[in-house]
Amino acid sequence: MLLSYYQNNLIEAGCDEAGRGCYAGPVFAAAVILPKDFSHPLLNDSKKVSEKNRLLLKEIIEHTALAWAVAKVSQEEIDRINILKASIKAMHLAIQQLKIIPEYLLIDGNRFQNYSMIPHQCVIKGDGKYASIAAASILAKTHRDAFMQKLHKKFPAYNWISNKGYGTLDHRKAIAEIGLSKFHRKSFSILPKEDNRLPFE
């Protein structure tokens, strides 16, 4: 049973990211402010929810949340500033877009940088503990998946419609055969060191 909130006095937003460990594509983050009485039997860490149920929850969350926002940071910026900083920046961008200004932030994980003097609490595996973080994980995941599925139409060889940019066997085989696309994260050292081919455009 997910907890409805961390504290009961301030407007609380849950934040989470998706795509941090991917080989390709942006990192996405979401921020969600839920009604304090919100609950749904399917709501959980997005990694523990089927794709069908994630899409169902996406519609419910976007319809029911007091405020929600999704933001992304590109693979180019990930390469420039590193994935941790990019993930935190994506969270900041999502919080910035909320139509209601939160007074407290619940962050999934153990690393964050202060945003606009709003107090925050990091929660390890928070997407399996608090409803607002779980809701943010659902939105970040579903919006990122939809983005990667659109990219798949331009780069079908990597099978992003299925692997969403993660380093699956089919994805790694495609990289070995044709090299990297402009959407791959070059700082992740994906290609073998002896492979000096130019990126595939």
Protein backbone atom coordinates (compact mmCIF):
# COMPACT_ATOMS: atom_id res chain seq x y z
CA MET A 1 0.00 0.00 0.00
CA LEU A 2 1.56 3.28 -1.10
CA LEU A 3 1.68 6.16 1.33
CA SER A 4 -0.36 9.19 0.34
CA TYR A 5 2.17 11.77 1.51
CA TYR A 6 5.42 12.27 3.44
CA GLN A 7 4.09 15.23 5.46
CA ASN A 8 0.56 16.57 5.76
CA ASN A 9 1.04 20.33 6.11
CA LEU A 10 2.54 21.50 2.80
CA ILE A 11 1.62 21.04 -0.85
CA GLU A 12 3.75 18.08 -1.84
CA ALA A 13 4.98 17.10 -5.30
CA GLY A 14 6.49 13.73 -6.14
CA CYS A 15 9.33 13.61 -8.69
CA ASP A 16 10.94 10.80 -10.65
CA GLU A 17 12.89 10.24 -13.86
CA ALA A 18 12.90 7.65 -16.64
CA GLY A 19 15.62 6.59 -19.04
CA ARG A 20 18.64 7.25 -16.89
CA GLY A 21 20.31 3.96 -17.88
CA CYS A 22 19.40 4.01 -21.57
CA TYR A 23 21.89 3.96 -24.43
CA ALA A 24 19.85 6.40 -26.50
CA GLY A 25 17.39 9.25 -26.23
CA PRO A 26 16.68 11.95 -23.66
CA VAL A 27 16.16 11.45 -19.96
CA PHE A 28 12.60 12.35 -18.93
CA ALA A 29 11.30 13.47 -15.54
CA ALA A 30 7.87 14.16 -14.12
CA ALA A 31 6.50 16.07 -11.15
CA VAL A 32 3.03 15.31 -9.80
CA ILE A 33 0.84 16.84 -7.12
CA LEU A 34 -1.92 14.40 -6.19
CA PRO A 35 -5.03 14.92 -4.07
CA LYS A 36 -4.19 13.67 -0.57
CA ASP A 37 -6.93 11.05 -0.78
CA PHE A 38 -5.77 9.68 -4.15
CA SER A 39 -5.26 5.96 -4.44
CA HIS A 40 -5.43 3.34 -7.16
CA PRO A 41 -4.87 -0.39 -6.82
CA LEU A 42 -2.63 -0.53 -9.92
CA LEU A 43 -0.38 2.38 -8.96
CA ASN A 44 3.20 1.34 -8.24
CA ASP A 45 6.78 1.83 -9.40
CA SER A 46 6.48 1.99 -13.20
CA LYS A 47 8.98 -0.88 -13.56
CA LYS A 48 6.54 -3.13 -11.72
CA VAL A 49 3.50 -2.19 -13.82
CA SER A 50 2.67 -3.67 -17.23
CA GLU A 51 2.71 -1.39 -20.27
CA LYS A 52 -1.06 -1.70 -20.61
CA ASN A 53 -1.61 -0.67 -16.99
CA ARG A 54 0.95 2.14 -17.23
CA LEU A 55 -1.03 3.66 -20.09
CA LEU A 56 -4.24 3.30 -18.11
CA LEU A 57 -2.65 4.94 -15.07
CA LYS A 58 -1.24 7.74 -17.22
CA GLU A 59 -4.75 8.80 -18.23
CA ILE A 60 -6.03 8.54 -14.65
CA ILE A 61 -3.13 10.52 -13.20
CA GLU A 62 -3.27 13.26 -15.82
CA HIS A 63 -7.04 13.59 -15.29
CA THR A 64 -7.00 13.42 -11.48
CA ALA A 65 -3.77 15.13 -10.39
CA LEU A 66 -4.00 18.65 -9.02
CA ALA A 67 -0.99 19.45 -11.18
CA TRP A 68 1.49 17.49 -13.29
CA ALA A 69 4.30 18.19 -15.73
CA VAL A 70 6.84 16.25 -17.78
CA ALA A 71 10.19 17.51 -19.06
CA LYS A 72 13.20 16.09 -20.85
CA VAL A 73 16.92 16.74 -21.27
CA SER A 74 18.49 15.73 -24.56
CA GLN A 75 21.18 13.15 -25.14
CA GLU A 76 23.54 15.94 -26.24
CA GLU A 77 23.19 17.64 -22.87
CA ILE A 78 23.53 14.31 -21.07
CA ASP A 79 26.88 13.91 -22.83
CA ARG A 80 27.87 17.45 -21.89
CA ILE A 81 26.92 17.57 -18.19
CA ASN A 82 26.59 13.82 -17.27
CA ILE A 83 23.47 11.73 -16.66
CA LEU A 84 23.06 12.53 -12.95
CA LYS A 85 23.05 16.28 -13.53
CA ALA A 86 20.80 15.84 -16.55
CA SER A 87 18.30 13.77 -14.52
CA ILE A 88 18.18 16.43 -11.81
CA LYS A 89 17.83 19.19 -14.42
CA ALA A 90 14.89 17.33 -15.99
CA MET A 91 13.23 17.18 -12.56
CA HIS A 92 13.81 20.91 -12.07
CA LEU A 93 12.26 21.64 -15.47
CA ALA A 94 9.22 19.51 -14.64
CA ILE A 95 8.75 21.23 -11.25
CA GLN A 96 9.07 24.61 -12.95
CA GLN A 97 6.17 23.77 -15.27
CA LEU A 98 3.71 22.79 -12.52
CA LYS A 99 0.61 24.99 -12.49
CA ILE A 100 0.58 24.82 -8.69
CA ILE A 101 3.79 25.81 -6.88
CA PRO A 102 4.74 22.96 -4.54
CA GLU A 103 5.85 23.65 -0.98
CA TYR A 104 7.63 20.34 -0.48
CA LEU A 105 9.31 17.92 -2.90
CA LEU A 106 9.55 14.15 -2.64
CA ILE A 107 12.40 12.90 -4.82
CA ASP A 108 12.97 9.32 -5.88
CA GLY A 109 16.54 8.23 -5.19
CA ASN A 110 19.31 9.63 -3.01
CA ARG A 111 20.64 12.62 -4.99
CA PHE A 112 19.06 16.00 -5.72
CA GLN A 113 19.97 19.67 -5.85
CA ASN A 114 17.84 22.29 -4.15
CA TYR A 115 15.19 23.83 -6.35
CA SER A 116 14.06 27.39 -5.66
CA MET A 117 14.49 27.04 -1.89
CA ILE A 118 11.69 24.45 -1.73
CA PRO A 119 12.48 21.86 0.97
CA HIS A 120 12.84 18.32 -0.31
CA GLN A 121 13.23 14.75 0.86
CA CYS A 122 15.04 12.07 -1.13
CA VAL A 123 13.56 8.60 -0.77
CA ILE A 124 15.44 5.53 -1.99
CA LYS A 125 13.02 3.39 -4.01
CA GLY A 126 10.43 6.05 -3.33
CA ASP A 127 8.44 5.06 -6.43
CA GLY A 128 7.40 1.94 -4.52
CA LYS A 129 6.61 3.82 -1.31
CA TYR A 130 4.79 7.08 -2.08
CA ALA A 131 1.86 7.60 -4.42
CA SER A 132 3.08 10.92 -5.82
CA ILE A 133 6.51 9.52 -6.73
CA ALA A 134 4.91 6.42 -8.24
CA ALA A 135 2.62 8.66 -10.30
CA ALA A 136 5.64 10.67 -11.46
CA SER A 137 7.42 7.45 -12.44
CA ILE A 138 4.40 6.41 -14.53
CA LEU A 139 4.25 9.74 -16.38
CA ALA A 140 7.99 9.94 -16.98
CA LYS A 141 8.07 6.37 -18.28
CA THR A 142 5.01 6.59 -20.54
CA HIS A 143 6.00 9.94 -22.05
CA ARG A 144 9.53 8.74 -22.69
CA ASP A 145 8.33 5.46 -24.21
CA ALA A 146 6.07 7.39 -26.58
CA PHE A 147 9.01 9.59 -27.59
CA MET A 148 11.23 6.58 -28.32
CA GLN A 149 8.46 4.86 -30.28
CA LYS A 150 8.27 7.93 -32.55
CA LEU A 151 12.05 7.86 -33.02
CA HIS A 152 11.77 4.20 -33.99
CA LYS A 153 10.07 5.22 -37.24
CA LYS A 154 13.24 7.07 -38.30
CA PHE A 155 15.69 4.53 -36.88
CA PRO A 156 13.93 1.13 -37.05
CA ALA A 157 17.17 -0.89 -37.02
CA TYR A 158 17.65 -0.28 -33.29
CA ASN A 159 14.17 -1.60 -32.39
CA TRP A 160 13.44 1.30 -30.05
CA ILE A 161 9.73 0.56 -30.33
CA SER A 162 10.45 -2.45 -28.15
CA ASN A 163 13.61 -1.72 -26.13
CA LYS A 164 12.96 2.04 -25.71
CA GLY A 165 16.67 2.74 -25.98
CA TYR A 166 17.87 0.36 -23.28
CA GLY A 167 20.92 -1.82 -23.95
CA THR A 168 19.10 -4.99 -24.89
CA LEU A 169 20.74 -7.68 -27.02
CA ASP A 170 18.94 -6.59 -30.20
CA HIS A 171 19.93 -2.97 -29.59
CA ARG A 172 23.58 -3.88 -28.98
CA LYS A 173 23.66 -6.05 -32.12
CA ALA A 174 22.30 -3.19 -34.22
CA ILE A 175 24.94 -0.83 -32.82
CA ALA A 176 27.66 -3.38 -33.63
CA GLU A 177 26.38 -3.65 -37.20
CA ILE A 178 25.65 -0.02 -38.13
CA GLY A 179 27.18 2.12 -35.41
CA LEU A 180 25.59 4.89 -33.37
CA SER A 181 22.82 7.28 -34.36
CA LYS A 182 22.72 10.96 -33.46
CA PHE A 183 20.34 10.04 -30.63
CA HIS A 184 22.81 7.75 -28.87
CA ARG A 185 24.63 8.94 -25.76
CA LYS A 186 28.25 9.10 -26.86
CA SER A 187 29.56 9.54 -23.30
CA PHE A 188 28.25 6.09 -22.36
CA SER A 189 31.10 4.30 -24.22
CA ILE A 190 28.63 2.05 -25.99
CA LEU A 191 30.86 0.99 -28.89
CA PRO A 192 33.79 -1.39 -28.28
CA LYS A 193 37.05 0.56 -27.97
CA GLU A 194 38.43 -0.96 -31.15
CA ASP A 195 35.39 0.19 -33.14
CA ASN A 196 36.30 3.51 -34.77
CA ARG A 197 33.40 3.82 -37.20
CA LEU A 198 31.71 7.17 -37.58
CA PRO A 199 28.27 7.54 -35.95
CA PHE A 200 25.37 6.50 -38.14
CA GLU A 201 23.15 9.45 -39.02
